[in-house]
Protein backbone atom coordinates (compact mmCIF):
# COMPACT_ATOMS: atom_id res chain seq x y z
CA ASN A 1 2.85 -12.10 -12.51
CA ARG A 2 6.18 -12.91 -11.96
CA LEU A 3 7.48 -9.64 -9.96
CA GLU A 4 10.92 -11.29 -9.67
CA TYR A 5 11.72 -10.42 -12.99
CA PHE A 6 11.32 -6.95 -12.47
CA GLY A 7 13.96 -6.72 -9.78
CA ALA A 8 16.74 -5.50 -11.74
CA TYR A 9 14.65 -3.13 -13.69
CA PRO A 10 16.28 0.56 -13.24
CA ALA A 11 13.00 2.00 -11.21
CA GLN A 12 13.20 4.02 -8.26
CA ALA A 13 9.82 2.99 -6.90
CA PHE A 14 7.76 -0.11 -7.64
CA SER A 15 3.77 -0.63 -7.29
CA TRP A 16 1.86 -3.90 -7.69
CA ALA A 17 -1.20 -5.70 -6.30
CA VAL A 18 -0.17 -6.62 -2.87
CA HIS A 19 -3.39 -8.58 -2.48
CA VAL A 20 -3.57 -10.22 -5.75
CA GLU A 21 0.29 -11.14 -5.86
CA ASN A 22 0.21 -12.00 -2.33
CA VAL A 23 3.62 -10.32 -1.96
CA SER A 24 3.59 -7.81 1.11
CA LEU A 25 5.12 -4.35 0.91
CA ARG A 26 7.97 -5.65 3.02
CA GLN A 27 8.63 -8.69 0.87
CA GLY A 28 8.53 -6.18 -1.99
CA ARG A 29 11.11 -4.21 -0.55
CA ILE A 30 13.43 -7.08 -0.37
CA LEU A 31 12.47 -8.10 -3.96
CA PHE A 32 13.26 -4.99 -5.21
CA GLY A 33 16.49 -4.40 -3.31
CA GLY A 34 15.20 -1.91 -0.97
CA ARG A 35 13.72 0.51 -3.40
CA ALA A 36 10.66 2.49 -2.62
CA VAL A 37 7.41 0.54 -2.86
CA ILE A 38 4.00 1.72 -3.12
CA GLY A 39 0.42 0.41 -2.08
CA GLY A 40 -1.08 -1.81 0.59
CA PHE A 41 -4.65 -1.22 0.61
CA PRO A 42 -7.01 -3.62 -1.28
CA ASN A 43 -8.62 -1.71 -4.26
CA VAL A 44 -11.83 -3.64 -4.73
CA ASP A 45 -15.38 -2.53 -4.03
CA GLY A 46 -16.35 -3.48 -0.40
CA SER A 47 -12.73 -3.45 0.78
CA ILE A 48 -11.26 -1.44 4.21
CA LEU A 49 -10.92 1.51 2.30
CA GLN A 50 -14.42 1.82 1.28
CA THR A 51 -16.44 0.26 4.03
CA GLY A 52 -14.14 0.61 7.15
CA THR A 53 -14.51 3.04 10.05
CA GLU A 54 -11.79 5.85 10.40
CA LYS A 55 -10.19 3.65 13.02
CA GLN A 56 -9.92 0.65 11.09
CA ILE A 57 -8.39 2.54 8.32
CA LYS A 58 -5.88 4.34 10.44
CA ASP A 59 -4.98 1.28 12.23
CA TYR A 60 -4.60 -0.78 8.88
CA ALA A 61 -2.27 1.98 7.44
CA ALA A 62 -0.19 1.89 10.69
CA GLU A 63 -0.01 -1.87 10.39
CA LEU A 64 1.33 -1.44 6.87
CA ILE A 65 3.99 1.27 8.14
CA ALA A 66 5.09 -1.10 10.89
CA GLU A 67 5.40 -4.20 8.66
CA ALA A 68 7.25 -2.35 5.57
CA GLY A 69 9.02 0.51 7.55
CA PRO A 70 8.52 4.30 7.49
CA ILE A 71 10.94 4.97 4.74
CA GLY A 72 10.89 4.40 1.11
CA VAL A 73 7.17 3.53 1.36
CA MET A 74 4.15 5.09 -0.06
CA ILE A 75 0.88 3.81 1.29
CA GLY A 76 -2.09 3.77 -1.08
CA ALA A 77 -4.31 1.56 -2.77
CA ASP A 78 -3.09 -1.57 -4.94
CA CYS A 79 -3.18 0.34 -8.43
CA THR A 80 -6.38 2.50 -8.41
CA ILE A 81 -9.34 2.73 -6.24
CA PRO A 82 -13.11 2.81 -6.85
CA ALA A 83 -14.48 6.03 -7.87
CA THR A 84 -17.13 5.61 -5.38
CA THR A 85 -14.47 6.12 -2.51
CA GLU A 86 -15.15 8.89 -0.37
CA ILE A 87 -12.19 11.29 -0.27
CA LYS A 88 -12.31 11.23 3.60
CA ARG A 89 -11.02 7.91 3.62
CA LEU A 90 -7.97 8.83 1.82
CA LYS A 91 -7.54 11.80 4.31
CA TRP A 92 -7.69 9.19 7.12
CA VAL A 93 -4.82 7.40 5.49
CA ARG A 94 -2.92 10.29 5.00
CA GLU A 95 -3.56 11.38 8.56
CA ALA A 96 -2.34 7.97 9.97
CA CYS A 97 0.90 8.14 7.93
CA ARG A 98 1.48 11.49 9.44
CA LEU A 99 1.84 10.05 12.72
CA LYS A 100 4.45 7.57 11.86
């Protein structure tokens, strides 16, 4: 995909597959003129969101926030998550984001 084509699109927030496009949340903030960005966690079976420990998931969320900044960032999965993902794992992400 050519994310740069969407830079002028009149949206309030942007979401893309960070790990597929190899464009970080921080890079996306720049590309989209400082507007809100969404995502950060890989969304495939066997990824950290499905297999990581509570500490690993919380640490990863904290790294995403540290890298992209705490304002205008919604931490989540790139696109959707596998239906088999346990809800407690999403709660760990939410808990980690509250601490920032």
